PDB file of N, CA and C in Angstrom:
ATOM      1  N   LYS A   1      14.722 -24.694  -2.188  1.00  0.00           N
ATOM      2  CA  LYS A   1      15.362 -23.701  -3.096  1.00  0.00           C
ATOM      3  C   LYS A   1      14.639 -22.611  -2.664  1.00  0.00           C
ATOM      4  N   PHE A   2      13.395 -22.341  -2.224  1.00  0.00           N
ATOM      5  CA  PHE A   2      12.762 -21.244  -1.796  1.00  0.00           C
ATOM      6  C   PHE A   2      13.319 -20.546  -0.775  1.00  0.00           C
ATOM      7  N   GLU A   3      13.448 -21.582   0.092  1.00  0.00           N
ATOM      8  CA  GLU A   3      13.792 -20.520   1.188  1.00  0.00           C
ATOM      9  C   GLU A   3      15.363 -19.751   1.057  1.00  0.00           C
ATOM     10  N   ASN A   4      16.412 -20.363   0.081  1.00  0.00           N
ATOM     11  CA  ASN A   4      17.459 -19.726  -0.277  1.00  0.00           C
ATOM     12  C   ASN A   4      16.908 -18.231  -1.187  1.00  0.00           C
ATOM     13  N   LEU A   5      16.021 -18.446  -1.688  1.00  0.00           N
ATOM     14  CA  LEU A   5      15.834 -17.104  -2.782  1.00  0.00           C
ATOM     15  C   LEU A   5      14.818 -16.047  -1.959  1.00  0.00           C
ATOM     16  N   LYS A   6      14.098 -16.778  -0.975  1.00  0.00           N
ATOM     17  CA  LYS A   6      13.596 -15.955   0.302  1.00  0.00           C
ATOM     18  C   LYS A   6      14.591 -15.285   0.831  1.00  0.00           C
ATOM     19  N   GLU A   7      15.761 -15.787   1.194  1.00  0.00           N
ATOM     20  CA  GLU A   7      16.966 -14.970   2.167  1.00  0.00           C
ATOM     21  C   GLU A   7      17.537 -14.237   1.271  1.00  0.00           C
ATOM     22  N   LEU A   8      17.755 -14.474  -0.158  1.00  0.00           N
ATOM     23  CA  LEU A   8      18.352 -13.854  -1.254  1.00  0.00           C
ATOM     24  C   LEU A   8      17.522 -12.430  -1.451  1.00  0.00           C
ATOM     25  N   TYR A   9      16.143 -12.474  -1.238  1.00  0.00           N
ATOM     26  CA  TYR A   9      15.390 -11.490  -1.513  1.00  0.00           C
ATOM     27  C   TYR A   9      15.447 -10.856  -0.374  1.00  0.00           C
ATOM     28  N   LEU A  10      15.428 -10.795   0.812  1.00  0.00           N
ATOM     29  CA  LEU A  10      15.367 -10.332   1.967  1.00  0.00           C
ATOM     30  C   LEU A  10      16.879  -9.614   1.811  1.00  0.00           C
ATOM     31  N   SER A  11      17.839 -10.213   1.679  1.00  0.00           N
ATOM     32  CA  SER A  11      19.322  -9.734   1.972  1.00  0.00           C
ATOM     33  C   SER A  11      19.490  -8.435   0.652  1.00  0.00           C
ATOM     34  N   ASN A  12      18.701  -8.557  -0.144  1.00  0.00           N
ATOM     35  CA  ASN A  12      18.742  -7.380  -1.362  1.00  0.00           C
ATOM     36  C   ASN A  12      18.184  -6.376  -1.142  1.00  0.00           C
ATOM     37  N   ASN A  13      16.812  -6.690  -0.463  1.00  0.00           N
ATOM     38  CA  ASN A  13      15.535  -5.888   0.017  1.00  0.00           C
ATOM     39  C   ASN A  13      16.523  -4.804   0.942  1.00  0.00           C
ATOM     40  N   LYS A  14      17.640  -5.485   1.869  1.00  0.00           N
ATOM     41  CA  LYS A  14      17.987  -4.557   2.857  1.00  0.00           C
ATOM     42  C   LYS A  14      19.101  -3.597   2.271  1.00  0.00           C
ATOM     43  N   LEU A  15      19.705  -4.263   1.051  1.00  0.00           N
ATOM     44  CA  LEU A  15      20.699  -3.593   0.637  1.00  0.00           C
ATOM     45  C   LEU A  15      20.221  -2.108  -0.661  1.00  0.00           C
ATOM     46  N   SER A  16      18.965  -2.444  -0.796  1.00  0.00           N
ATOM     47  CA  SER A  16      18.195  -1.676  -1.614  1.00  0.00           C
ATOM     48  C   SER A  16      17.191  -0.524  -0.962  1.00  0.00           C
ATOM     49  N   THR A  17      17.263   0.915  -1.528  1.00  0.00           N
ATOM     50  CA  THR A  17      16.231   1.620  -0.992  1.00  0.00           C
ATOM     51  C   THR A  17      14.841   1.400  -1.362  1.00  0.00           C
ATOM     52  N   ILE A  18      14.602   0.917  -2.828  1.00  0.00           N
ATOM     53  CA  ILE A  18      13.523   0.225  -3.127  1.00  0.00           C
ATOM     54  C   ILE A  18      12.866  -1.149  -2.785  1.00  0.00           C
ATOM     55  N   PRO A  19      11.996  -1.448  -2.116  1.00  0.00           N
ATOM     56  CA  PRO A  19      11.918  -3.041  -1.949  1.00  0.00           C
ATOM     57  C   PRO A  19      11.464  -3.518  -3.519  1.00  0.00           C
ATOM     58  N   VAL A  20      11.872  -4.794  -3.405  1.00  0.00           N
ATOM     59  CA  VAL A  20      11.607  -5.316  -4.740  1.00  0.00           C
ATOM     60  C   VAL A  20      10.276  -6.691  -4.387  1.00  0.00           C
ATOM     61  N   GLN A  21       9.529  -6.373  -5.591  1.00  0.00           N
ATOM     62  CA  GLN A  21       8.334  -7.090  -4.896  1.00  0.00           C
ATOM     63  C   GLN A  21       8.554  -8.894  -5.691  1.00  0.00           C
ATOM     64  N   LEU A  22       8.214  -9.389  -4.572  1.00  0.00           N
ATOM     65  CA  LEU A  22       8.279 -10.898  -4.930  1.00  0.00           C
ATOM     66  C   LEU A  22       6.925 -11.351  -5.503  1.00  0.00           C
ATOM     67  N   PRO A  23       7.323 -12.381  -5.963  1.00  0.00           N
ATOM     68  CA  PRO A  23       6.095 -13.048  -6.801  1.00  0.00           C
ATOM     69  C   PRO A  23       5.504 -14.006  -5.688  1.00  0.00           C
ATOM     70  N   GLN A  24       4.437 -13.900  -5.896  1.00  0.00           N
ATOM     71  CA  GLN A  24       3.172 -14.471  -4.609  1.00  0.00           C
ATOM     72  C   GLN A  24       3.525 -16.379  -4.773  1.00  0.00           C
ATOM     73  N   VAL A  25       4.443 -16.706  -5.442  1.00  0.00           N
ATOM     74  CA  VAL A  25       5.003 -18.207  -5.486  1.00  0.00           C
ATOM     75  C   VAL A  25       5.524 -18.501  -3.776  1.00  0.00           C
ATOM     76  N   LEU A  26       6.342 -17.310  -3.423  1.00  0.00           N
ATOM     77  CA  LEU A  26       7.114 -17.620  -2.096  1.00  0.00           C
ATOM     78  C   LEU A  26       5.953 -17.321  -1.120  1.00  0.00           C
TER      79      LEU A  26
END
Protein backbone atom coordinates (compact mmCIF):
# COMPACT_ATOMS: atom_id res chain seq x y z
CA LYS A 1 0.00 0.00 0.00
CA PHE A 2 2.80 2.39 0.85
CA GLU A 3 4.48 1.83 -2.50
CA ASN A 4 1.33 2.83 -4.35
CA LEU A 5 0.87 5.85 -2.13
CA LYS A 6 4.47 6.86 -2.69
CA GLU A 7 4.15 6.58 -6.46
CA LEU A 8 0.89 8.50 -6.34
CA TYR A 9 2.66 11.23 -4.36
CA LEU A 10 5.50 11.35 -6.88
CA SER A 11 3.07 11.58 -9.79
CA ASN A 12 1.13 14.39 -8.15
CA ASN A 13 4.33 16.14 -7.21
CA LYS A 14 5.40 16.24 -10.87
CA LEU A 15 2.10 17.81 -11.87
CA SER A 16 2.07 20.26 -8.99
CA THR A 17 4.23 23.38 -8.92
CA ILE A 18 4.29 23.29 -5.13
CA PRO A 19 5.62 20.02 -3.71
CA VAL A 20 3.29 18.37 -1.25
CA GLN A 21 4.91 17.30 1.97
CA LEU A 22 4.68 13.62 2.81
CA PRO A 23 4.09 12.39 6.32
CA GLN A 24 7.18 10.87 7.92
CA VAL A 25 5.40 7.50 7.89
CA LEU A 26 6.76 6.92 4.41
